[in-house]
């Protein structure tokens, strides 16, 4: 992986997304503050979406926008070779199998997005 796709970049992207998701704006016409969940596309919960229901297309969705998932590592044995799997292995798997509910690494993470879709 190059510097364009490094763990530092993924962490910065995750932090930026969290800040943007927490952004509010005053809507004078409705007399209230609006949030992302007021205006987002939420295909699996369109009537009362929460932030986690919003369809946000991002590489961090392969980790359900969850820093704990991004930081996970696990020991995995493949034949006679034992090594450590991490976010790179999960990402490679998910790019090739985006509809998977559990990757084949020892991490056993879902490739599905936080909102429940691919």
N, C-alpha and C. Protein backbone atom coordinates (compact mmCIF):
# COMPACT_ATOMS: atom_id res chain seq x y z
N UNK A 1 0.84 -1.19 0.00
CA UNK A 1 0.00 0.00 0.00
C UNK A 1 0.88 1.24 0.00
N UNK A 2 0.47 2.23 -0.74
CA UNK A 2 1.23 3.48 -0.82
C UNK A 2 0.72 4.47 0.23
N UNK A 3 1.34 5.64 0.26
CA UNK A 3 0.94 6.67 1.20
C UNK A 3 -0.47 7.19 0.97
N UNK A 4 -1.01 6.99 -0.23
CA UNK A 4 -2.36 7.44 -0.52
C UNK A 4 -3.37 6.63 0.28
N UNK A 5 -3.08 5.37 0.50
CA UNK A 5 -3.96 4.51 1.28
C UNK A 5 -3.15 3.90 2.43
N UNK A 6 -3.00 4.67 3.48
CA UNK A 6 -2.27 4.22 4.65
C UNK A 6 -3.21 4.28 5.84
N UNK A 7 -2.81 3.69 6.95
CA UNK A 7 -3.66 3.76 8.13
C UNK A 7 -3.83 5.21 8.60
N UNK A 8 -2.80 6.03 8.42
CA UNK A 8 -2.92 7.44 8.81
C UNK A 8 -4.01 8.14 8.00
N UNK A 9 -4.07 7.86 6.71
CA UNK A 9 -5.09 8.45 5.85
C UNK A 9 -6.47 7.96 6.26
N UNK A 10 -6.60 6.67 6.53
CA UNK A 10 -7.90 6.13 6.93
C UNK A 10 -8.37 6.73 8.26
N UNK A 11 -7.45 6.90 9.21
CA UNK A 11 -7.81 7.51 10.50
C UNK A 11 -8.23 8.96 10.30
N UNK A 12 -7.52 9.69 9.45
CA UNK A 12 -7.88 11.09 9.19
C UNK A 12 -9.25 11.18 8.51
N UNK A 13 -9.50 10.27 7.57
CA UNK A 13 -10.79 10.25 6.89
C UNK A 13 -11.91 9.92 7.87
N UNK A 14 -11.68 8.96 8.74
CA UNK A 14 -12.68 8.60 9.75
C UNK A 14 -12.98 9.78 10.67
N UNK A 15 -11.95 10.48 11.09
CA UNK A 15 -12.14 11.66 11.95
C UNK A 15 -12.91 12.75 11.22
N UNK A 16 -12.57 13.00 9.96
CA UNK A 16 -13.27 14.00 9.17
C UNK A 16 -14.74 13.64 9.01
N UNK A 17 -15.02 12.39 8.71
CA UNK A 17 -16.41 11.95 8.56
C UNK A 17 -17.19 12.13 9.86
N UNK A 18 -16.57 11.83 10.99
CA UNK A 18 -17.24 12.00 12.27
C UNK A 18 -17.56 13.48 12.52
N UNK A 19 -16.62 14.36 12.18
CA UNK A 19 -16.86 15.80 12.35
C UNK A 19 -17.97 16.28 11.43
N UNK A 20 -17.95 15.83 10.18
CA UNK A 20 -19.00 16.22 9.25
C UNK A 20 -20.36 15.67 9.67
N UNK A 21 -20.40 14.46 10.17
CA UNK A 21 -21.66 13.86 10.60
C UNK A 21 -22.25 14.60 11.80
N UNK A 22 -21.42 15.23 12.59
CA UNK A 22 -21.89 15.96 13.77
C UNK A 22 -22.27 17.41 13.44
N UNK A 23 -22.07 17.83 12.21
CA UNK A 23 -22.36 19.20 11.81
C UNK A 23 -23.86 19.45 11.79
N UNK A 24 -24.25 20.60 12.27
CA UNK A 24 -25.64 21.02 12.21
C UNK A 24 -25.72 22.37 11.51
N UNK A 25 -26.89 22.70 11.03
CA UNK A 25 -27.12 23.99 10.38
C UNK A 25 -28.51 24.49 10.75
N UNK A 26 -28.62 25.77 10.96
CA UNK A 26 -29.92 26.36 11.28
C UNK A 26 -30.73 26.49 10.00
N UNK A 27 -31.97 26.02 10.05
CA UNK A 27 -32.88 26.11 8.91
C UNK A 27 -34.00 27.08 9.26
N UNK A 28 -33.88 28.33 8.84
CA UNK A 28 -34.87 29.35 9.21
C UNK A 28 -36.31 28.98 8.80
N UNK A 29 -36.46 28.33 7.65
CA UNK A 29 -37.80 28.00 7.18
C UNK A 29 -38.52 27.04 8.13
N UNK A 30 -37.76 26.13 8.73
CA UNK A 30 -38.39 25.18 9.66
C UNK A 30 -38.20 25.59 11.11
N UNK A 31 -37.38 26.60 11.36
CA UNK A 31 -37.17 27.09 12.71
C UNK A 31 -36.44 26.12 13.61
N UNK A 32 -35.54 25.34 13.04
CA UNK A 32 -34.78 24.37 13.84
C UNK A 32 -33.45 24.06 13.19
N UNK A 33 -32.60 23.40 13.97
CA UNK A 33 -31.34 22.93 13.44
C UNK A 33 -31.56 21.62 12.71
N UNK A 34 -30.88 21.46 11.59
CA UNK A 34 -30.96 20.20 10.85
C UNK A 34 -29.61 19.50 10.91
N UNK A 35 -29.65 18.19 10.79
CA UNK A 35 -28.45 17.36 10.85
C UNK A 35 -28.38 16.51 9.59
N UNK A 36 -27.32 15.77 9.47
CA UNK A 36 -27.16 14.86 8.33
C UNK A 36 -28.33 13.89 8.24
N UNK A 37 -28.79 13.37 9.36
CA UNK A 37 -29.88 12.38 9.31
C UNK A 37 -31.19 12.99 8.83
N UNK A 38 -31.32 14.32 8.86
CA UNK A 38 -32.51 14.97 8.32
C UNK A 38 -32.51 15.01 6.80
N UNK A 39 -31.35 14.95 6.19
CA UNK A 39 -31.26 15.13 4.74
C UNK A 39 -30.60 13.97 4.01
N UNK A 40 -30.16 12.96 4.71
CA UNK A 40 -29.40 11.88 4.06
C UNK A 40 -30.30 10.87 3.37
N UNK A 41 -29.68 10.09 2.51
CA UNK A 41 -30.31 8.95 1.86
C UNK A 41 -30.13 7.76 2.81
N UNK A 42 -31.23 7.24 3.31
CA UNK A 42 -31.19 6.12 4.26
C UNK A 42 -32.08 4.99 3.73
N UNK A 43 -31.57 4.19 2.81
CA UNK A 43 -32.43 3.21 2.12
C UNK A 43 -33.03 2.14 3.01
N UNK A 44 -32.41 1.80 4.12
CA UNK A 44 -32.94 0.73 4.96
C UNK A 44 -33.78 1.25 6.12
N UNK A 45 -33.81 2.57 6.33
CA UNK A 45 -34.64 3.18 7.36
C UNK A 45 -35.01 4.60 6.92
N UNK A 46 -35.81 4.73 5.89
CA UNK A 46 -36.08 6.06 5.33
C UNK A 46 -36.99 6.95 6.18
N UNK A 47 -37.79 6.38 7.09
CA UNK A 47 -38.75 7.20 7.82
C UNK A 47 -38.17 7.88 9.06
N UNK A 48 -37.30 7.22 9.79
CA UNK A 48 -36.71 7.78 11.01
C UNK A 48 -35.22 7.48 11.06
N UNK A 49 -34.44 7.97 10.09
CA UNK A 49 -33.03 7.59 10.06
C UNK A 49 -32.21 8.23 11.17
N UNK A 50 -31.31 7.45 11.72
CA UNK A 50 -30.27 7.96 12.60
C UNK A 50 -29.00 8.11 11.77
N UNK A 51 -27.94 8.63 12.37
CA UNK A 51 -26.70 8.82 11.59
C UNK A 51 -26.19 7.51 11.02
N UNK A 52 -26.29 6.43 11.76
CA UNK A 52 -25.81 5.14 11.29
C UNK A 52 -26.62 4.57 10.14
N UNK A 53 -27.79 5.13 9.88
CA UNK A 53 -28.64 4.67 8.78
C UNK A 53 -28.31 5.37 7.47
N UNK A 54 -27.56 6.46 7.53
CA UNK A 54 -27.26 7.25 6.33
C UNK A 54 -26.24 6.53 5.44
N UNK A 55 -26.54 6.50 4.16
CA UNK A 55 -25.65 5.88 3.18
C UNK A 55 -24.52 6.86 2.86
N UNK A 56 -23.38 6.65 3.46
CA UNK A 56 -22.20 7.48 3.21
C UNK A 56 -21.18 6.58 2.51
N UNK A 57 -20.88 6.88 1.25
CA UNK A 57 -19.95 6.06 0.49
C UNK A 57 -18.53 6.46 0.80
N UNK A 58 -17.81 5.56 1.44
CA UNK A 58 -16.44 5.82 1.86
C UNK A 58 -15.73 4.49 2.10
N UNK A 59 -14.44 4.49 1.91
CA UNK A 59 -13.65 3.28 2.16
C UNK A 59 -13.77 2.85 3.63
N UNK A 60 -14.01 3.79 4.53
CA UNK A 60 -14.13 3.43 5.95
C UNK A 60 -15.41 2.64 6.24
N UNK A 61 -16.33 2.61 5.30
CA UNK A 61 -17.53 1.79 5.49
C UNK A 61 -17.19 0.30 5.52
N UNK A 62 -16.09 -0.09 4.91
CA UNK A 62 -15.67 -1.49 5.01
C UNK A 62 -15.34 -1.87 6.45
N UNK A 63 -15.21 -0.87 7.31
CA UNK A 63 -14.94 -1.07 8.74
C UNK A 63 -16.11 -0.54 9.56
N UNK A 64 -17.27 -0.35 8.93
CA UNK A 64 -18.48 0.16 9.54
C UNK A 64 -18.24 1.51 10.22
N UNK A 65 -17.33 2.30 9.68
CA UNK A 65 -16.96 3.61 10.25
C UNK A 65 -16.60 3.48 11.73
N UNK A 66 -15.95 2.40 12.07
CA UNK A 66 -15.64 2.09 13.46
C UNK A 66 -14.12 1.99 13.63
N UNK A 67 -13.56 2.89 14.42
CA UNK A 67 -12.12 2.90 14.65
C UNK A 67 -11.61 1.64 15.30
N UNK A 68 -12.41 1.01 16.14
CA UNK A 68 -12.01 -0.25 16.77
C UNK A 68 -11.80 -1.33 15.72
N UNK A 69 -12.70 -1.38 14.73
CA UNK A 69 -12.55 -2.36 13.65
C UNK A 69 -11.31 -2.06 12.81
N UNK A 70 -11.07 -0.79 12.55
CA UNK A 70 -9.91 -0.38 11.76
C UNK A 70 -8.60 -0.77 12.45
N UNK A 71 -8.57 -0.71 13.77
CA UNK A 71 -7.35 -0.99 14.54
C UNK A 71 -7.12 -2.47 14.83
N UNK A 72 -8.08 -3.32 14.54
CA UNK A 72 -7.96 -4.74 14.87
C UNK A 72 -6.80 -5.42 14.15
N UNK A 73 -6.17 -6.33 14.85
CA UNK A 73 -5.20 -7.25 14.26
C UNK A 73 -5.49 -8.63 14.82
N UNK A 74 -5.07 -9.65 14.11
CA UNK A 74 -5.28 -11.02 14.57
C UNK A 74 -4.18 -11.91 14.02
N UNK A 75 -3.88 -12.95 14.73
CA UNK A 75 -2.92 -13.94 14.27
C UNK A 75 -3.66 -14.95 13.41
N UNK A 76 -3.08 -15.26 12.27
CA UNK A 76 -3.72 -16.19 11.36
C UNK A 76 -2.69 -17.16 10.81
N UNK A 77 -3.07 -18.43 10.74
CA UNK A 77 -2.20 -19.45 10.18
C UNK A 77 -2.80 -19.93 8.87
N UNK A 78 -1.99 -19.91 7.84
CA UNK A 78 -2.39 -20.39 6.53
C UNK A 78 -1.40 -21.47 6.14
N UNK A 79 -1.81 -22.71 6.28
CA UNK A 79 -0.89 -23.83 6.05
C UNK A 79 0.15 -23.85 7.15
N UNK A 80 1.42 -23.71 6.79
CA UNK A 80 2.50 -23.71 7.76
C UNK A 80 2.99 -22.31 8.10
N UNK A 81 2.37 -21.31 7.49
CA UNK A 81 2.80 -19.92 7.69
C UNK A 81 1.84 -19.22 8.66
N UNK A 82 2.41 -18.62 9.70
CA UNK A 82 1.63 -17.84 10.66
C UNK A 82 2.04 -16.39 10.56
N UNK A 83 1.05 -15.53 10.53
CA UNK A 83 1.32 -14.10 10.43
C UNK A 83 0.21 -13.30 11.07
N UNK A 84 0.30 -12.00 10.91
CA UNK A 84 -0.70 -11.10 11.47
C UNK A 84 -1.51 -10.49 10.34
N UNK A 85 -2.82 -10.51 10.51
CA UNK A 85 -3.71 -9.85 9.55
C UNK A 85 -4.20 -8.55 10.17
N UNK A 86 -4.47 -7.57 9.31
CA UNK A 86 -4.93 -6.28 9.80
C UNK A 86 -5.86 -5.64 8.78
N UNK A 87 -6.01 -4.33 8.85
CA UNK A 87 -6.94 -3.60 7.99
C UNK A 87 -6.66 -3.83 6.50
N UNK A 88 -5.40 -4.01 6.14
CA UNK A 88 -5.06 -4.21 4.72
C UNK A 88 -5.68 -5.50 4.18
N UNK A 89 -5.58 -6.56 4.97
CA UNK A 89 -6.13 -7.85 4.54
C UNK A 89 -7.65 -7.78 4.42
N UNK A 90 -8.26 -7.12 5.39
CA UNK A 90 -9.72 -6.97 5.35
C UNK A 90 -10.14 -6.13 4.13
N UNK A 91 -9.44 -5.05 3.87
CA UNK A 91 -9.77 -4.18 2.75
C UNK A 91 -9.63 -4.92 1.42
N UNK A 92 -8.55 -5.64 1.25
CA UNK A 92 -8.35 -6.41 0.01
C UNK A 92 -9.48 -7.41 -0.18
N UNK A 93 -9.85 -8.10 0.90
CA UNK A 93 -10.94 -9.06 0.81
C UNK A 93 -12.24 -8.37 0.40
N UNK A 94 -12.55 -7.25 1.05
CA UNK A 94 -13.82 -6.57 0.81
C UNK A 94 -13.90 -5.95 -0.59
N UNK A 95 -12.79 -5.45 -1.10
CA UNK A 95 -12.80 -4.91 -2.46
C UNK A 95 -13.17 -6.01 -3.45
N UNK A 96 -12.77 -7.22 -3.16
CA UNK A 96 -13.06 -8.35 -4.05
C UNK A 96 -14.40 -9.02 -3.74
N UNK A 97 -14.91 -8.86 -2.52
CA UNK A 97 -16.18 -9.48 -2.11
C UNK A 97 -17.00 -8.50 -1.27
N UNK A 98 -17.47 -7.40 -1.86
CA UNK A 98 -18.11 -6.35 -1.08
C UNK A 98 -19.43 -6.74 -0.41
N UNK A 99 -20.04 -7.83 -0.82
CA UNK A 99 -21.31 -8.24 -0.22
C UNK A 99 -21.14 -9.24 0.91
N UNK A 100 -19.92 -9.49 1.34
CA UNK A 100 -19.65 -10.48 2.37
C UNK A 100 -20.02 -9.97 3.76
N UNK A 101 -20.68 -10.83 4.51
CA UNK A 101 -21.02 -10.50 5.89
C UNK A 101 -19.90 -10.86 6.86
N UNK A 102 -18.91 -11.61 6.38
CA UNK A 102 -17.76 -11.96 7.22
C UNK A 102 -16.60 -12.30 6.31
N UNK A 103 -15.47 -11.59 6.51
CA UNK A 103 -14.32 -11.90 5.67
C UNK A 103 -13.70 -13.23 6.07
N UNK A 104 -12.77 -13.72 5.26
CA UNK A 104 -12.17 -15.03 5.54
C UNK A 104 -10.88 -14.92 6.33
N UNK A 105 -10.58 -13.72 6.81
CA UNK A 105 -9.40 -13.56 7.66
C UNK A 105 -9.77 -13.89 9.10
N UNK A 106 -8.78 -13.95 9.95
CA UNK A 106 -9.02 -14.19 11.37
C UNK A 106 -9.73 -13.01 12.03
N UNK A 107 -9.82 -11.88 11.35
CA UNK A 107 -10.55 -10.73 11.88
C UNK A 107 -12.06 -10.99 11.89
N UNK A 108 -12.53 -11.72 10.88
CA UNK A 108 -13.94 -12.08 10.73
C UNK A 108 -14.86 -10.86 10.76
N UNK A 109 -14.45 -9.79 10.08
CA UNK A 109 -15.26 -8.58 10.01
C UNK A 109 -16.18 -8.60 8.80
N UNK A 110 -17.29 -7.91 8.91
CA UNK A 110 -18.21 -7.76 7.79
C UNK A 110 -17.67 -6.73 6.81
N UNK A 111 -18.01 -6.90 5.56
CA UNK A 111 -17.69 -5.91 4.53
C UNK A 111 -18.85 -4.94 4.34
N UNK A 112 -19.98 -5.22 4.94
CA UNK A 112 -21.15 -4.37 4.79
C UNK A 112 -20.97 -3.06 5.52
N UNK A 113 -21.56 -2.01 4.99
CA UNK A 113 -21.44 -0.68 5.57
C UNK A 113 -22.22 -0.56 6.88
N UNK A 114 -21.94 0.49 7.60
CA UNK A 114 -22.60 0.75 8.88
C UNK A 114 -24.13 0.75 8.72
N UNK A 115 -24.63 1.29 7.63
CA UNK A 115 -26.08 1.38 7.44
C UNK A 115 -26.70 0.05 7.03
N UNK A 116 -25.88 -0.97 6.75
CA UNK A 116 -26.37 -2.30 6.45
C UNK A 116 -26.30 -2.71 5.00
N UNK A 117 -25.93 -1.80 4.12
CA UNK A 117 -25.84 -2.12 2.70
C UNK A 117 -24.39 -2.30 2.28
N UNK A 118 -24.20 -2.62 1.00
CA UNK A 118 -22.83 -2.83 0.50
C UNK A 118 -22.08 -1.52 0.30
